[in-house]
Amino acid sequence: MNFKLLFLLPLFGMSLKGYSQQPVISLTGGLNFGKWKLDEKSNFNHSRVGILLGVAVELEVQEALSLQSGLQYTMFGTHFKYNTDESIYKTNYLLMPLLGKYKFENGISIHAGPEIGFLMSAKSVLDGDHYDFQDDMKPFDVFFALGAEYALKSGLSFGFRIHHGLTNVEDGADTSIHNRGFSLMASYPLSEILP
């Protein structure tokens, strides 16, 4: 698959004329399973489970093609555990996606594109002691996102999204840390909630 084309999909949609609908604003929420990809594979590196909350804005540009953006607070990080020793690294990001979305007639849709993640906090728990290591991390990350959704007739939708971090987020170190995430989420249009 040519990932460069997937990154260009949202930009291609911007050039299309004749927006057919008003933007649809939805509340989103769910779980994110975050994990660090390190230089060397470790059997002691496990996923950290966190929440995601946000607002999505979707604008239809053709009958089956739309653009999706918004803001999403998402918990990443990783969890190391060896016998009774464990350490948890909690890195929380504010994600701003720019995704191209294609809808099929059966309610299923697929989406792909870049996400910019702004680091909000970075804290760790090492053998019961708490630390702040935000100064050791880069202030942002760039992700490639890929996912799918299924929308019910009520407007409620369920889906998943893969977050593939492209940036070495450790600042000024010889080692590299790349974010990975897998999200399970649900969304519901605000127009169905507000009068």
Protein backbone atom coordinates (compact mmCIF):
# COMPACT_ATOMS: atom_id res chain seq x y z
CA MET A 1 0.00 0.00 0.00
CA ASN A 2 1.26 3.47 -0.86
CA PHE A 3 0.99 5.33 2.45
CA LYS A 4 1.90 8.63 0.79
CA LEU A 5 -1.36 8.50 -1.14
CA LEU A 6 -3.31 8.01 2.08
CA PHE A 7 -1.68 11.10 3.55
CA LEU A 8 -2.71 13.09 0.47
CA LEU A 9 -6.32 11.92 0.59
CA PRO A 10 -7.55 14.67 2.95
CA LEU A 11 -5.76 17.33 0.91
CA PHE A 12 -7.35 15.97 -2.26
CA GLY A 13 -10.76 16.24 -0.64
CA MET A 14 -10.18 19.90 0.15
CA SER A 15 -9.93 20.68 -3.55
CA LEU A 16 -13.35 19.23 -4.31
CA LYS A 17 -16.19 21.66 -4.91
CA GLY A 18 -19.80 21.67 -3.82
CA TYR A 19 -20.10 20.79 -0.17
CA SER A 20 -23.42 18.99 0.10
CA GLN A 21 -24.00 19.14 3.87
CA GLN A 22 -23.30 21.17 6.95
CA PRO A 23 -20.53 19.86 9.21
CA VAL A 24 -21.55 17.08 11.60
CA ILE A 25 -20.13 17.54 15.11
CA SER A 26 -19.94 14.43 17.28
CA LEU A 27 -18.80 13.52 20.77
CA THR A 28 -16.28 10.68 20.82
CA GLY A 29 -15.03 8.45 23.61
CA GLY A 30 -13.45 5.10 24.22
CA LEU A 31 -10.28 3.26 25.18
CA ASN A 32 -6.77 3.48 23.79
CA PHE A 33 -4.20 0.70 24.16
CA GLY A 34 -0.87 2.52 23.98
CA LYS A 35 2.58 1.01 23.73
CA TRP A 36 6.09 2.24 22.99
CA LYS A 37 8.11 0.80 20.13
CA LEU A 38 11.72 0.72 21.32
CA ASP A 39 15.04 0.05 19.61
CA GLU A 40 15.02 -3.52 20.86
CA LYS A 41 12.01 -5.76 21.29
CA SER A 42 11.22 -6.63 24.91
CA ASN A 43 8.91 -9.28 26.28
CA PHE A 44 8.41 -7.09 29.36
CA ASN A 45 6.91 -4.18 27.37
CA HIS A 46 3.12 -4.22 27.63
CA SER A 47 0.28 -1.94 26.61
CA ARG A 48 -1.00 0.84 28.82
CA VAL A 49 -4.78 1.14 28.76
CA GLY A 50 -6.15 4.69 28.85
CA ILE A 51 -9.19 6.68 27.85
CA LEU A 52 -9.84 8.93 24.89
CA LEU A 53 -12.33 11.79 24.82
CA GLY A 54 -12.97 14.40 22.21
CA VAL A 55 -15.01 16.10 19.54
CA ALA A 56 -15.03 15.12 15.87
CA VAL A 57 -16.06 17.38 12.98
CA GLU A 58 -17.02 15.75 9.70
CA LEU A 59 -17.67 17.55 6.42
CA GLU A 60 -19.05 15.71 3.42
CA VAL A 61 -17.41 16.70 0.14
CA GLN A 62 -18.98 14.09 -2.11
CA GLU A 63 -21.70 11.50 -1.73
CA ALA A 64 -19.42 8.90 -0.13
CA LEU A 65 -16.32 10.95 0.69
CA SER A 66 -15.87 13.24 3.67
CA LEU A 67 -13.17 14.96 5.70
CA GLN A 68 -12.89 14.41 9.45
CA SER A 69 -11.01 16.52 11.96
CA GLY A 70 -11.47 17.60 15.58
CA LEU A 71 -9.64 17.33 18.89
CA GLN A 72 -9.14 14.19 20.95
CA TYR A 73 -7.48 13.79 24.33
CA THR A 74 -5.79 10.38 24.16
CA MET A 75 -3.69 8.49 26.69
CA PHE A 76 -0.57 6.76 25.35
CA GLY A 77 2.52 5.38 27.08
CA THR A 78 3.69 1.90 27.99
CA HIS A 79 3.87 -0.57 30.88
CA PHE A 80 6.98 -2.57 31.76
CA LYS A 81 6.57 -5.55 34.05
CA TYR A 82 9.12 -8.17 35.09
CA ASN A 83 8.14 -10.52 37.91
CA THR A 84 7.18 -8.18 40.78
CA ASP A 85 8.94 -5.12 39.32
CA GLU A 86 6.91 -2.78 37.17
CA SER A 87 7.07 0.72 35.77
CA ILE A 88 4.34 2.69 34.02
CA TYR A 89 4.99 5.58 31.64
CA LYS A 90 1.97 7.81 31.01
CA THR A 91 2.14 10.17 28.04
CA ASN A 92 -1.07 12.00 27.22
CA TYR A 93 -1.63 13.79 23.92
CA LEU A 94 -4.15 16.15 22.39
CA LEU A 95 -4.64 14.75 18.89
CA MET A 96 -5.76 16.81 15.90
CA PRO A 97 -6.55 14.45 12.99
CA LEU A 98 -7.04 15.31 9.34
CA LEU A 99 -8.59 12.18 7.86
CA GLY A 100 -10.16 11.21 4.60
CA LYS A 101 -13.24 9.07 5.13
CA TYR A 102 -15.01 6.82 2.64
CA LYS A 103 -18.51 5.51 3.41
CA PHE A 104 -20.04 2.34 2.03
CA GLU A 105 -23.79 1.90 1.67
CA ASN A 106 -23.98 -0.71 4.43
CA GLY A 107 -23.02 1.75 7.20
CA ILE A 108 -19.34 0.80 7.24
CA SER A 109 -16.71 3.48 6.60
CA ILE A 110 -12.93 3.54 6.47
CA HIS A 111 -10.65 6.47 7.22
CA ALA A 112 -6.97 7.30 6.96
CA GLY A 113 -4.65 10.27 7.23
CA PRO A 114 -2.26 12.15 9.50
CA GLU A 115 -2.72 13.18 13.11
CA ILE A 116 -0.71 15.79 14.97
CA GLY A 117 -0.31 15.03 18.66
CA PHE A 118 0.56 17.72 21.21
CA LEU A 119 2.10 16.35 24.41
CA MET A 120 0.01 17.42 27.41
CA SER A 121 1.80 15.50 30.18
CA ALA A 122 4.41 12.79 30.73
CA LYS A 123 4.55 11.06 34.09
CA SER A 124 5.90 7.75 35.32
CA VAL A 125 5.48 5.43 38.26
CA LEU A 126 8.68 3.51 39.10
CA ASP A 127 8.46 1.08 42.01
CA GLY A 128 5.78 3.22 43.59
CA ASP A 129 7.59 6.56 43.13
CA HIS A 130 6.12 9.22 40.83
CA TYR A 131 8.15 11.28 38.37
CA ASP A 132 7.55 13.92 35.71
CA PHE A 133 9.62 13.41 32.55
CA GLN A 134 7.89 15.82 30.15
CA ASP A 135 11.14 17.80 29.71
CA ASP A 136 12.74 14.64 28.29
CA MET A 137 10.10 14.28 25.57
CA LYS A 138 9.47 16.16 22.36
CA PRO A 139 6.43 18.45 22.57
CA PHE A 140 4.61 16.84 19.66
CA ASP A 141 4.30 13.68 17.58
CA VAL A 142 3.04 13.01 14.06
CA PHE A 143 0.93 9.90 13.59
CA PHE A 144 -0.43 7.99 10.65
CA ALA A 145 -3.98 6.91 11.48
CA LEU A 146 -6.03 4.14 9.89
CA GLY A 147 -9.39 2.83 11.00
CA ALA A 148 -12.98 1.87 10.34
CA GLU A 149 -16.44 2.59 11.76
CA TYR A 150 -19.94 1.17 11.66
CA ALA A 151 -22.80 3.67 11.95
CA LEU A 152 -26.27 2.75 13.18
CA LYS A 153 -29.36 4.48 11.81
CA SER A 154 -29.68 6.32 15.14
CA GLY A 155 -26.37 8.09 14.46
CA LEU A 156 -24.41 6.14 17.06
CA SER A 157 -21.26 4.65 15.58
CA PHE A 158 -18.60 2.23 16.79
CA GLY A 159 -15.13 1.83 15.41
CA PHE A 160 -11.43 1.33 15.84
CA ARG A 161 -8.35 3.35 14.91
CA ILE A 162 -4.67 2.49 14.69
CA HIS A 163 -2.21 5.26 15.65
CA HIS A 164 1.28 4.78 14.22
CA GLY A 165 3.73 7.33 15.60
CA LEU A 166 6.30 8.52 13.06
CA THR A 167 8.45 10.68 15.36
CA ASN A 168 11.12 9.66 17.85
CA VAL A 169 9.47 11.32 20.84
CA GLU A 170 12.45 11.06 23.20
CA ASP A 171 14.28 14.37 23.12
CA GLY A 172 18.08 14.38 22.81
CA ALA A 173 18.71 10.70 23.48
CA ASP A 174 20.61 8.01 21.62
CA THR A 175 17.67 5.62 21.88
CA SER A 176 14.34 5.97 20.09
CA ILE A 177 10.76 5.77 21.32
CA HIS A 178 7.84 5.65 18.90
CA ASN A 179 4.20 5.77 19.98
CA ARG A 180 1.82 3.01 18.98
CA GLY A 181 -1.86 2.90 19.79
CA PHE A 182 -5.04 0.97 19.08
CA SER A 183 -8.31 2.71 19.93
CA LEU A 184 -11.81 1.33 20.40
CA MET A 185 -14.31 4.17 20.33
CA ALA A 186 -17.89 5.27 19.94
CA SER A 187 -19.29 8.56 18.68
CA TYR A 188 -22.67 10.28 18.68
CA PRO A 189 -23.74 13.45 16.82
CA LEU A 190 -24.44 16.50 18.94
CA SER A 191 -27.46 17.25 16.75
CA GLU A 192 -29.14 14.18 18.26
CA ILE A 193 -28.50 15.45 21.79
CA LEU A 194 -29.11 19.18 21.58
CA PRO A 195 -32.54 20.55 20.65
